[in-house]
Amino acid sequence: MAGFVLHQGATVKCSHGGQATPSEVSSRVMVAGMPIATIAALYTIAGCPFVPPGGNGPCVSGQWMTGALRVTSEEKALAITTGTSTCTPTGTAMLPLDVQKRVTAS
């Protein structure tokens, strides 16, 4: 399924509202003037407020598990808004909230 390509300046949050930032980007491809993210990039999550009484929180990192199957950069699939992701240690998803709306990939 096609989705918008995620880039370094995209607003991505964990399910609890923590800010997710890619640890690496692919500067070979630029969208909205910024390098794109691939599913190989580990996201660092800051400010997750989820602290359950029994542990398993807050979110500290996340990664896209699926992304664009037909479009790659440096032999890595692109991270897209319709891809699936997971946060560690909670197992919840990351949510792309504000992304560029010109380039899609599938």
PDB file of N, CA and C in Angstrom:
ATOM      1  N   MET A   1       0.842  -1.180   0.000  1.00  0.00           N
ATOM      2  CA  MET A   1       0.000   0.000   0.000  1.00  0.00           C
ATOM      3  C   MET A   1       0.889   1.246   0.000  1.00  0.00           C
ATOM      4  N   ALA A   2       0.569   2.190  -0.834  1.00  0.00           N
ATOM      5  CA  ALA A   2       1.371   3.414  -0.955  1.00  0.00           C
ATOM      6  C   ALA A   2       1.187   4.317   0.277  1.00  0.00           C
ATOM      7  N   GLY A   3       2.228   5.059   0.573  1.00  0.00           N
ATOM      8  CA  GLY A   3       2.185   6.012   1.680  1.00  0.00           C
ATOM      9  C   GLY A   3       3.183   7.123   1.431  1.00  0.00           C
ATOM     10  N   PHE A   4       3.057   8.207   2.166  1.00  0.00           N
ATOM     11  CA  PHE A   4       3.992   9.316   2.042  1.00  0.00           C
ATOM     12  C   PHE A   4       5.340   8.920   2.640  1.00  0.00           C
ATOM     13  N   VAL A   5       6.417   9.356   1.995  1.00  0.00           N
ATOM     14  CA  VAL A   5       7.769   9.035   2.439  1.00  0.00           C
ATOM     15  C   VAL A   5       8.117   9.863   3.674  1.00  0.00           C
ATOM     16  N   LEU A   6       8.653   9.191   4.694  1.00  0.00           N
ATOM     17  CA  LEU A   6       9.062   9.889   5.915  1.00  0.00           C
ATOM     18  C   LEU A   6      10.454  10.483   5.730  1.00  0.00           C
ATOM     19  N   HIS A   7      10.681  11.622   6.328  1.00  0.00           N
ATOM     20  CA  HIS A   7      11.967  12.304   6.211  1.00  0.00           C
ATOM     21  C   HIS A   7      12.421  12.780   7.582  1.00  0.00           C
ATOM     22  N   GLN A   8      13.607  13.343   7.624  1.00  0.00           N
ATOM     23  CA  GLN A   8      14.207  13.748   8.891  1.00  0.00           C
ATOM     24  C   GLN A   8      13.355  14.752   9.656  1.00  0.00           C
ATOM     25  N   GLY A   9      12.657  15.642   8.983  1.00  0.00           N
ATOM     26  CA  GLY A   9      11.855  16.663   9.652  1.00  0.00           C
ATOM     27  C   GLY A   9      10.423  16.271   9.942  1.00  0.00           C
ATOM     28  N   ALA A  10      10.037  15.034   9.617  1.00  0.00           N
ATOM     29  CA  ALA A  10       8.662  14.585   9.865  1.00  0.00           C
ATOM     30  C   ALA A  10       8.405  14.495  11.368  1.00  0.00           C
ATOM     31  N   THR A  11       7.179  14.802  11.754  1.00  0.00           N
ATOM     32  CA  THR A  11       6.797  14.654  13.159  1.00  0.00           C
ATOM     33  C   THR A  11       6.264  13.244  13.354  1.00  0.00           C
ATOM     34  N   VAL A  12       7.023  12.440  14.090  1.00  0.00           N
ATOM     35  CA  VAL A  12       6.646  11.064  14.394  1.00  0.00           C
ATOM     36  C   VAL A  12       6.661  10.935  15.915  1.00  0.00           C
ATOM     37  N   LYS A  13       5.602  10.345  16.462  1.00  0.00           N
ATOM     38  CA  LYS A  13       5.510  10.182  17.917  1.00  0.00           C
ATOM     39  C   LYS A  13       5.200   8.732  18.259  1.00  0.00           C
ATOM     40  N   CYS A  14       5.532   8.358  19.486  1.00  0.00           N
ATOM     41  CA  CYS A  14       5.102   7.046  19.961  1.00  0.00           C
ATOM     42  C   CYS A  14       3.603   7.160  20.275  1.00  0.00           C
ATOM     43  N   SER A  15       2.958   6.066  20.532  1.00  0.00           N
ATOM     44  CA  SER A  15       1.519   6.073  20.795  1.00  0.00           C
ATOM     45  C   SER A  15       1.135   6.884  22.032  1.00  0.00           C
ATOM     46  N   HIS A  16       2.104   7.175  22.880  1.00  0.00           N
ATOM     47  CA  HIS A  16       1.834   7.924  24.111  1.00  0.00           C
ATOM     48  C   HIS A  16       2.207   9.394  24.000  1.00  0.00           C
ATOM     49  N   GLY A  17       2.769   9.817  22.873  1.00  0.00           N
ATOM     50  CA  GLY A  17       3.094  11.228  22.654  1.00  0.00           C
ATOM     51  C   GLY A  17       4.566  11.583  22.727  1.00  0.00           C
ATOM     52  N   GLY A  18       5.454  10.632  22.924  1.00  0.00           N
ATOM     53  CA  GLY A  18       6.890  10.909  22.938  1.00  0.00           C
ATOM     54  C   GLY A  18       7.401  11.198  21.531  1.00  0.00           C
ATOM     55  N   GLN A  19       8.347  12.110  21.388  1.00  0.00           N
ATOM     56  CA  GLN A  19       8.894  12.504  20.090  1.00  0.00           C
ATOM     57  C   GLN A  19       9.892  11.473  19.590  1.00  0.00           C
ATOM     58  N   ALA A  20       9.670  10.963  18.365  1.00  0.00           N
ATOM     59  CA  ALA A  20      10.553   9.964  17.751  1.00  0.00           C
ATOM     60  C   ALA A  20      11.393  10.618  16.668  1.00  0.00           C
ATOM     61  N   THR A  21      12.706  10.376  16.709  1.00  0.00           N
ATOM     62  CA  THR A  21      13.651  10.957  15.759  1.00  0.00           C
ATOM     63  C   THR A  21      14.519   9.850  15.168  1.00  0.00           C
ATOM     64  N   PRO A  22      14.671   9.806  13.826  1.00  0.00           N
ATOM     65  CA  PRO A  22      15.499   8.743  13.240  1.00  0.00           C
ATOM     66  C   PRO A  22      16.971   8.930  13.594  1.00  0.00           C
ATOM     67  N   SER A  23      17.647   7.821  13.899  1.00  0.00           N
ATOM     68  CA  SER A  23      19.062   7.879  14.267  1.00  0.00           C
ATOM     69  C   SER A  23      19.959   8.031  13.051  1.00  0.00           C
ATOM     70  N   GLU A  24      19.464   7.629  11.891  1.00  0.00           N
ATOM     71  CA  GLU A  24      20.224   7.789  10.653  1.00  0.00           C
ATOM     72  C   GLU A  24      19.244   8.045   9.521  1.00  0.00           C
ATOM     73  N   VAL A  25      19.711   8.755   8.511  1.00  0.00           N
ATOM     74  CA  VAL A  25      18.890   9.062   7.338  1.00  0.00           C
ATOM     75  C   VAL A  25      19.711   8.782   6.081  1.00  0.00           C
ATOM     76  N   SER A  26      19.034   8.726   4.961  1.00  0.00           N
ATOM     77  CA  SER A  26      19.710   8.505   3.690  1.00  0.00           C
ATOM     78  C   SER A  26      19.748   9.823   2.932  1.00  0.00           C
ATOM     79  N   SER A  27      20.909  10.455   2.896  1.00  0.00           N
ATOM     80  CA  SER A  27      21.028  11.760   2.250  1.00  0.00           C
ATOM     81  C   SER A  27      21.118  11.659   0.733  1.00  0.00           C
ATOM     82  N   ARG A  28      21.065  10.461   0.180  1.00  0.00           N
ATOM     83  CA  ARG A  28      21.062  10.298  -1.282  1.00  0.00           C
ATOM     84  C   ARG A  28      19.720  10.704  -1.873  1.00  0.00           C
ATOM     85  N   VAL A  29      18.663  10.640  -1.058  1.00  0.00           N
ATOM     86  CA  VAL A  29      17.324  11.013  -1.511  1.00  0.00           C
ATOM     87  C   VAL A  29      16.797  12.087  -0.572  1.00  0.00           C
ATOM     88  N   MET A  30      16.328  13.181  -1.164  1.00  0.00           N
ATOM     89  CA  MET A  30      15.803  14.293  -0.372  1.00  0.00           C
ATOM     90  C   MET A  30      14.338  14.528  -0.733  1.00  0.00           C
ATOM     91  N   VAL A  31      13.515  14.783   0.264  1.00  0.00           N
ATOM     92  CA  VAL A  31      12.142  15.239   0.056  1.00  0.00           C
ATOM     93  C   VAL A  31      11.933  16.431   0.978  1.00  0.00           C
ATOM     94  N   ALA A  32      11.234  17.425   0.502  1.00  0.00           N
ATOM     95  CA  ALA A  32      11.008  18.651   1.266  1.00  0.00           C
ATOM     96  C   ALA A  32      12.333  19.241   1.750  1.00  0.00           C
ATOM     97  N   GLY A  33      13.401  19.017   0.973  1.00  0.00           N
ATOM     98  CA  GLY A  33      14.713  19.557   1.317  1.00  0.00           C
ATOM     99  C   GLY A  33      15.430  18.830   2.435  1.00  0.00           C
ATOM    100  N   MET A  34      14.908  17.675   2.857  1.00  0.00           N
ATOM    101  CA  MET A  34      15.517  16.919   3.951  1.00  0.00           C
ATOM    102  C   MET A  34      15.725  15.461   3.537  1.00  0.00           C
ATOM    103  N   PRO A  35      16.745  14.806   4.111  1.00  0.00           N
ATOM    104  CA  PRO A  35      16.999  13.403   3.787  1.00  0.00           C
ATOM    105  C   PRO A  35      15.872  12.489   4.281  1.00  0.00           C
ATOM    106  N   ILE A  36      15.669  11.392   3.563  1.00  0.00           N
ATOM    107  CA  ILE A  36      14.585  10.466   3.898  1.00  0.00           C
ATOM    108  C   ILE A  36      15.043   9.442   4.940  1.00  0.00           C
ATOM    109  N   ALA A  37      14.058   8.796   5.566  1.00  0.00           N
ATOM    110  CA  ALA A  37      14.322   7.731   6.530  1.00  0.00           C
ATOM    111  C   ALA A  37      14.034   6.383   5.873  1.00  0.00           C
ATOM    112  N   THR A  38      14.801   5.375   6.230  1.00  0.00           N
ATOM    113  CA  THR A  38      14.556   4.016   5.748  1.00  0.00           C
ATOM    114  C   THR A  38      14.106   3.168   6.936  1.00  0.00           C
ATOM    115  N   ILE A  39      13.626   1.962   6.635  1.00  0.00           N
ATOM    116  CA  ILE A  39      13.177   1.115   7.739  1.00  0.00           C
ATOM    117  C   ILE A  39      14.350   0.577   8.556  1.00  0.00           C
ATOM    118  N   ALA A  40      15.565   0.744   8.062  1.00  0.00           N
ATOM    119  CA  ALA A  40      16.744   0.309   8.812  1.00  0.00           C
ATOM    120  C   ALA A  40      17.068   1.260   9.965  1.00  0.00           C
ATOM    121  N   ALA A  41      16.547   2.479   9.911  1.00  0.00           N
ATOM    122  CA  ALA A  41      16.865   3.480  10.936  1.00  0.00           C
ATOM    123  C   ALA A  41      16.138   3.181  12.238  1.00  0.00           C
ATOM    124  N   LEU A  42      16.877   3.163  13.313  1.00  0.00           N
ATOM    125  CA  LEU A  42      16.294   3.053  14.642  1.00  0.00           C
ATOM    126  C   LEU A  42      15.888   4.463  15.073  1.00  0.00           C
ATOM    127  N   TYR A  43      14.703   4.613  15.602  1.00  0.00           N
ATOM    128  CA  TYR A  43      14.225   5.916  16.074  1.00  0.00           C
ATOM    129  C   TYR A  43      14.457   6.021  17.579  1.00  0.00           C
ATOM    130  N   THR A  44      14.956   7.165  18.016  1.00  0.00           N
ATOM    131  CA  THR A  44      15.113   7.448  19.436  1.00  0.00           C
ATOM    132  C   THR A  44      13.861   8.179  19.896  1.00  0.00           C
ATOM    133  N   ILE A  45      13.284   7.752  21.008  1.00  0.00           N
ATOM    134  CA  ILE A  45      12.051   8.367  21.497  1.00  0.00           C
ATOM    135  C   ILE A  45      12.350   9.104  22.802  1.00  0.00           C
ATOM    136  N   ALA A  46      11.976  10.378  22.831  1.00  0.00           N
ATOM    137  CA  ALA A  46      12.193  11.213  24.017  1.00  0.00           C
ATOM    138  C   ALA A  46      10.844  11.729  24.517  1.00  0.00           C
ATOM    139  N   GLY A  47      10.698  11.769  25.812  1.00  0.00           N
ATOM    140  CA  GLY A  47       9.516  12.378  26.417  1.00  0.00           C
ATOM    141  C   GLY A  47       8.279  11.509  26.470  1.00  0.00           C
ATOM    142  N   CYS A  48       8.430  10.197  26.362  1.00  0.00           N
ATOM    143  CA  CYS A  48       7.257   9.320  26.479  1.00  0.00           C
ATOM    144  C   CYS A  48       6.781   9.331  27.931  1.00  0.00           C
ATOM    145  N   PRO A  49       5.527   9.709  28.167  1.00  0.00           N
ATOM    146  CA  PRO A  49       5.035   9.800  29.550  1.00  0.00           C
ATOM    147  C   PRO A  49       4.529   8.480  30.125  1.00  0.00           C
ATOM    148  N   PHE A  50       4.534   7.407  29.342  1.00  0.00           N
ATOM    149  CA  PHE A  50       3.942   6.137  29.775  1.00  0.00           C
ATOM    150  C   PHE A  50       4.849   5.429  30.780  1.00  0.00           C
ATOM    151  N   VAL A  51       4.409   5.372  32.025  1.00  0.00           N
ATOM    152  CA  VAL A  51       5.144   4.666  33.072  1.00  0.00           C
ATOM    153  C   VAL A  51       4.139   3.824  33.860  1.00  0.00           C
ATOM    154  N   PRO A  52       3.888   2.592  33.404  1.00  0.00           N
ATOM    155  CA  PRO A  52       2.923   1.745  34.099  1.00  0.00           C
ATOM    156  C   PRO A  52       3.486   1.222  35.417  1.00  0.00           C
ATOM    157  N   PRO A  53       2.627   0.862  36.345  1.00  0.00           N
ATOM    158  CA  PRO A  53       3.102   0.381  37.646  1.00  0.00           C
ATOM    159  C   PRO A  53       3.943  -0.896  37.575  1.00  0.00           C
ATOM    160  N   GLY A  54       3.685  -1.753  36.589  1.00  0.00           N
ATOM    161  CA  GLY A  54       4.402  -3.023  36.510  1.00  0.00           C
ATOM    162  C   GLY A  54       5.606  -3.011  35.591  1.00  0.00           C
ATOM    163  N   GLY A  55       6.053  -1.846  35.159  1.00  0.00           N
ATOM    164  CA  GLY A  55       7.182  -1.787  34.225  1.00  0.00           C
ATOM    165  C   GLY A  55       6.699  -1.671  32.795  1.00  0.00           C
ATOM    166  N   ASN A  56       7.535  -2.092  31.837  1.00  0.00           N
ATOM    167  CA  ASN A  56       7.211  -2.072  30.406  1.00  0.00           C
ATOM    168  C   ASN A  56       6.993  -0.655  29.869  1.00  0.00           C
ATOM    169  N   GLY A  57       7.752   0.278  30.292  1.00  0.00           N
ATOM    170  CA  GLY A  57       7.614   1.636  29.768  1.00  0.00           C
ATOM    171  C   GLY A  57       8.639   2.525  30.427  1.00  0.00           C
ATOM    172  N   PRO A  58       8.851   3.679  29.950  1.00  0.00           N
ATOM    173  CA  PRO A  58       8.294   4.340  28.775  1.00  0.00           C
ATOM    174  C   PRO A  58       8.968   3.866  27.487  1.00  0.00           C
ATOM    175  N   CYS A  59       8.424   4.314  26.331  1.00  0.00           N
ATOM    176  CA  CYS A  59       9.025   3.997  25.039  1.00  0.00           C
ATOM    177  C   CYS A  59      10.388   4.688  24.951  1.00  0.00           C
ATOM    178  N   VAL A  60      11.410   3.977  24.520  1.00  0.00           N
ATOM    179  CA  VAL A  60      12.745   4.564  24.387  1.00  0.00           C
ATOM    180  C   VAL A  60      13.272   4.501  22.960  1.00  0.00           C
ATOM    181  N   SER A  61      12.767   3.551  22.166  1.00  0.00           N
ATOM    182  CA  SER A  61      13.191   3.457  20.773  1.00  0.00           C
ATOM    183  C   SER A  61      12.068   2.849  19.949  1.00  0.00           C
ATOM    184  N   GLY A  62      12.183   3.005  18.649  1.00  0.00           N
ATOM    185  CA  GLY A  62      11.185   2.450  17.753  1.00  0.00           C
ATOM    186  C   GLY A  62      11.810   2.145  16.412  1.00  0.00           C
ATOM    187  N   GLN A  63      11.135   1.312  15.626  1.00  0.00           N
ATOM    188  CA  GLN A  63      11.641   0.981  14.297  1.00  0.00           C
ATOM    189  C   GLN A  63      10.467   0.607  13.405  1.00  0.00           C
ATOM    190  N   TRP A  64      10.585   1.007  12.120  1.00  0.00           N
ATOM    191  CA  TRP A  64       9.588   0.605  11.128  1.00  0.00           C
ATOM    192  C   TRP A  64       9.889  -0.833  10.748  1.00  0.00           C
ATOM    193  N   MET A  65       8.881  -1.665  10.772  1.00  0.00           N
ATOM    194  CA  MET A  65       9.041  -3.074  10.427  1.00  0.00           C
ATOM    195  C   MET A  65       8.766  -3.308   8.946  1.00  0.00           C
ATOM    196  N   THR A  66       7.811  -2.567   8.386  1.00  0.00           N
ATOM    197  CA  THR A  66       7.513  -2.649   6.958  1.00  0.00           C
ATOM    198  C   THR A  66       7.494  -1.245   6.388  1.00  0.00           C
ATOM    199  N   GLY A  67       7.797  -1.148   5.113  1.00  0.00           N
ATOM    200  CA  GLY A  67       7.811   0.142   4.432  1.00  0.00           C
ATOM    201  C   GLY A  67       7.558  -0.071   2.952  1.00  0.00           C
ATOM    202  N   ALA A  68       8.130   0.782   2.139  1.00  0.00           N
ATOM    203  CA  ALA A  68       7.965   0.674   0.693  1.00  0.00           C
ATOM    204  C   ALA A  68       8.668  -0.581   0.189  1.00  0.00           C
ATOM    205  N   LEU A  69       7.966  -1.395  -0.565  1.00  0.00           N
ATOM    206  CA  LEU A  69       8.553  -2.626  -1.100  1.00  0.00           C
ATOM    207  C   LEU A  69       9.198  -2.406  -2.457  1.00  0.00           C
ATOM    208  N   ARG A  70       8.717  -1.421  -3.191  1.00  0.00           N
ATOM    209  CA  ARG A  70       9.199  -1.206  -4.552  1.00  0.00           C
ATOM    210  C   ARG A  70      10.188  -0.061  -4.674  1.00  0.00           C
ATOM    211  N   VAL A  71      10.335   0.748  -3.628  1.00  0.00           N
ATOM    212  CA  VAL A  71      11.236   1.903  -3.682  1.00  0.00           C
ATOM    213  C   VAL A  71      12.263   1.768  -2.569  1.00  0.00           C
ATOM    214  N   THR A  72      13.553   1.898  -2.934  1.00  0.00           N
ATOM    215  CA  THR A  72      14.621   1.779  -1.941  1.00  0.00           C
ATOM    216  C   THR A  72      15.618   2.921  -2.087  1.00  0.00           C
ATOM    217  N   SER A  73      16.417   3.098  -1.067  1.00  0.00           N
ATOM    218  CA  SER A  73      17.554   4.010  -1.100  1.00  0.00           C
ATOM    219  C   SER A  73      18.707   3.290  -0.431  1.00  0.00           C
ATOM    220  N   GLU A  74      19.812   3.195  -1.121  1.00  0.00           N
ATOM    221  CA  GLU A  74      20.974   2.474  -0.627  1.00  0.00           C
ATOM    222  C   GLU A  74      20.602   1.039  -0.231  1.00  0.00           C
ATOM    223  N   GLU A  75      19.746   0.430  -1.055  1.00  0.00           N
ATOM    224  CA  GLU A  75      19.277  -0.946  -0.884  1.00  0.00           C
ATOM    225  C   GLU A  75      18.446  -1.168   0.373  1.00  0.00           C
ATOM    226  N   LYS A  76      17.859  -0.120   0.913  1.00  0.00           N
ATOM    227  CA  LYS A  76      17.004  -0.226   2.090  1.00  0.00           C
ATOM    228  C   LYS A  76      15.627   0.329   1.744  1.00  0.00           C
ATOM    229  N   ALA A  77      14.584  -0.346   2.202  1.00  0.00           N
ATOM    230  CA  ALA A  77      13.217   0.098   1.953  1.00  0.00           C
ATOM    231  C   ALA A  77      12.958   1.437   2.647  1.00  0.00           C
ATOM    232  N   LEU A  78      12.179   2.300   1.991  1.00  0.00           N
ATOM    233  CA  LEU A  78      11.861   3.600   2.579  1.00  0.00           C
ATOM    234  C   LEU A  78      10.806   3.452   3.662  1.00  0.00           C
ATOM    235  N   ALA A  79      10.913   4.268   4.692  1.00  0.00           N
ATOM    236  CA  ALA A  79       9.876   4.333   5.726  1.00  0.00           C
ATOM    237  C   ALA A  79       8.740   5.182   5.178  1.00  0.00           C
ATOM    238  N   ILE A  80       7.523   4.664   5.253  1.00  0.00           N
ATOM    239  CA  ILE A  80       6.359   5.379   4.746  1.00  0.00           C
ATOM    240  C   ILE A  80       5.260   5.401   5.804  1.00  0.00           C
ATOM    241  N   THR A  81       4.329   6.329   5.627  1.00  0.00           N
ATOM    242  CA  THR A  81       3.282   6.540   6.630  1.00  0.00           C
ATOM    243  C   THR A  81       2.371   5.336   6.812  1.00  0.00           C
ATOM    244  N   THR A  82       2.232   4.501   5.810  1.00  0.00           N
ATOM    245  CA  THR A  82       1.354   3.332   5.925  1.00  0.00           C
ATOM    246  C   THR A  82       2.097   2.075   6.383  1.00  0.00           C
ATOM    247  N   GLY A  83       3.397   2.186   6.638  1.00  0.00           N
ATOM    248  CA  GLY A  83       4.175   1.051   7.127  1.00  0.00           C
ATOM    249  C   GLY A  83       3.828   0.737   8.572  1.00  0.00           C
ATOM    250  N   THR A  84       4.253  -0.426   9.026  1.00  0.00           N
ATOM    251  CA  THR A  84       4.027  -0.801  10.422  1.00  0.00           C
ATOM    252  C   THR A  84       5.305  -0.565  11.220  1.00  0.00           C
ATOM    253  N   SER A  85       5.118  -0.226  12.485  1.00  0.00           N
ATOM    254  CA  SER A  85       6.259   0.070  13.360  1.00  0.00           C
ATOM    255  C   SER A  85       5.990  -0.469  14.749  1.00  0.00           C
ATOM    256  N   THR A  86       7.047  -0.508  15.546  1.00  0.00           N
ATOM    257  CA  THR A  86       6.897  -0.926  16.929  1.00  0.00           C
ATOM    258  C   THR A  86       7.880  -0.166  17.808  1.00  0.00           C
ATOM    259  N   CYS A  87       7.451   0.120  19.021  1.00  0.00           N
ATOM    260  CA  CYS A  87       8.295   0.805  20.003  1.00  0.00           C
ATOM    261  C   CYS A  87       8.790  -0.207  21.030  1.00  0.00           C
ATOM    262  N   THR A  88       9.965   0.052  21.566  1.00  0.00           N
ATOM    263  CA  THR A  88      10.545  -0.798  22.601  1.00  0.00           C
ATOM    264  C   THR A  88      10.582  -0.007  23.896  1.00  0.00           C
ATOM    265  N   PRO A  89      10.199  -0.530  25.006  1.00  0.00           N
ATOM    266  CA  PRO A  89       9.788  -1.903  25.295  1.00  0.00           C
ATOM    267  C   PRO A  89       8.281  -2.131  25.276  1.00  0.00           C
ATOM    268  N   THR A  90       7.475  -1.139  24.940  1.00  0.00           N
ATOM    269  CA  THR A  90       6.020  -1.259  25.083  1.00  0.00           C
ATOM    270  C   THR A  90       5.340  -2.067  23.994  1.00  0.00           C
ATOM    271  N   GLY A  91       5.925  -2.139  22.798  1.00  0.00           N
ATOM    272  CA  GLY A  91       5.312  -2.875  21.702  1.00  0.00           C
ATOM    273  C   GLY A  91       4.216  -2.107  20.980  1.00  0.00           C
ATOM    274  N   THR A  92       4.032  -0.841  21.319  1.00  0.00           N
ATOM    275  CA  THR A  92       3.033  -0.021  20.649  1.00  0.00           C
ATOM    276  C   THR A  92       3.611   0.544  19.353  1.00  0.00           C
ATOM    277  N   ALA A  93       2.768   1.168  18.543  1.00  0.00           N
ATOM    278  CA  ALA A  93       3.193   1.681  17.242  1.00  0.00           C
ATOM    279  C   ALA A  93       3.670   3.128  17.324  1.00  0.00           C
ATOM    280  N   MET A  94       4.501   3.516  16.344  1.00  0.00           N
ATOM    281  CA  MET A  94       4.845   4.931  16.161  1.00  0.00           C
ATOM    282  C   MET A  94       3.804   5.530  15.214  1.00  0.00           C
ATOM    283  N   LEU A  95       3.523   6.816  15.403  1.00  0.00           N
ATOM    284  CA  LEU A  95       2.501   7.491  14.613  1.00  0.00           C
ATOM    285  C   LEU A  95       3.095   8.660  13.842  1.00  0.00           C
ATOM    286  N   PRO A  96       3.112   8.597  12.504  1.00  0.00           N
ATOM    287  CA  PRO A  96       3.568   9.749  11.727  1.00  0.00           C
ATOM    288  C   PRO A  96       2.443  10.787  11.694  1.00  0.00           C
ATOM    289  N   LEU A  97       2.681  11.975  12.240  1.00  0.00           N
ATOM    290  CA  LEU A  97       1.629  12.982  12.355  1.00  0.00           C
ATOM    291  C   LEU A  97       1.739  14.100  11.335  1.00  0.00           C
ATOM    292  N   ASP A  98       2.929  14.591  11.086  1.00  0.00           N
ATOM    293  CA  ASP A  98       3.127  15.698  10.157  1.00  0.00           C
ATOM    294  C   ASP A  98       4.271  15.349   9.223  1.00  0.00           C
ATOM    295  N   VAL A  99       3.921  15.033   7.972  1.00  0.00           N
ATOM    296  CA  VAL A  99       4.923  14.621   6.992  1.00  0.00           C
ATOM    297  C   VAL A  99       4.705  15.402   5.689  1.00  0.00           C
ATOM    298  N   GLN A 100       5.703  15.361   4.819  1.00  0.00           N
ATOM    299  CA  GLN A 100       5.558  15.993   3.506  1.00  0.00           C
ATOM    300  C   GLN A 100       4.468  15.262   2.731  1.00  0.00           C
ATOM    301  N   LYS A 101       3.777  15.978   1.858  1.00  0.00           N
ATOM    302  CA  LYS A 101       2.640  15.388   1.155  1.00  0.00           C
ATOM    303  C   LYS A 101       2.823  15.390  -0.373  1.00  0.00           C
ATOM    304  N   ARG A 102       4.065  15.367  -0.844  1.00  0.00           N
ATOM    305  CA  ARG A 102       4.301  15.392  -2.284  1.00  0.00           C
ATOM    306  C   ARG A 102       4.824  14.070  -2.839  1.00  0.00           C
ATOM    307  N   VAL A 103       5.574  13.326  -2.040  1.00  0.00           N
ATOM    308  CA  VAL A 103       6.214  12.112  -2.548  1.00  0.00           C
ATOM    309  C   VAL A 103       5.632  10.886  -1.853  1.00  0.00           C
ATOM    310  N   THR A 104       5.152   9.942  -2.669  1.00  0.00           N
ATOM    311  CA  THR A 104       4.640   8.683  -2.134  1.00  0.00           C
ATOM    312  C   THR A 104       5.493   7.536  -2.660  1.00  0.00           C
ATOM    313  N   ALA A 105       5.423   6.417  -1.980  1.00  0.00           N
ATOM    314  CA  ALA A 105       6.132   5.216  -2.396  1.00  0.00           C
ATOM    315  C   ALA A 105       5.284   4.015  -2.008  1.00  0.00           C
ATOM    316  N   SER A 106       5.508   2.912  -2.679  1.00  0.00           N
ATOM    317  CA  SER A 106       4.767   1.694  -2.329  1.00  0.00           C
ATOM    318  C   SER A 106       5.701   0.490  -2.362  1.00  0.00           C
TER     319      SER A 106
END
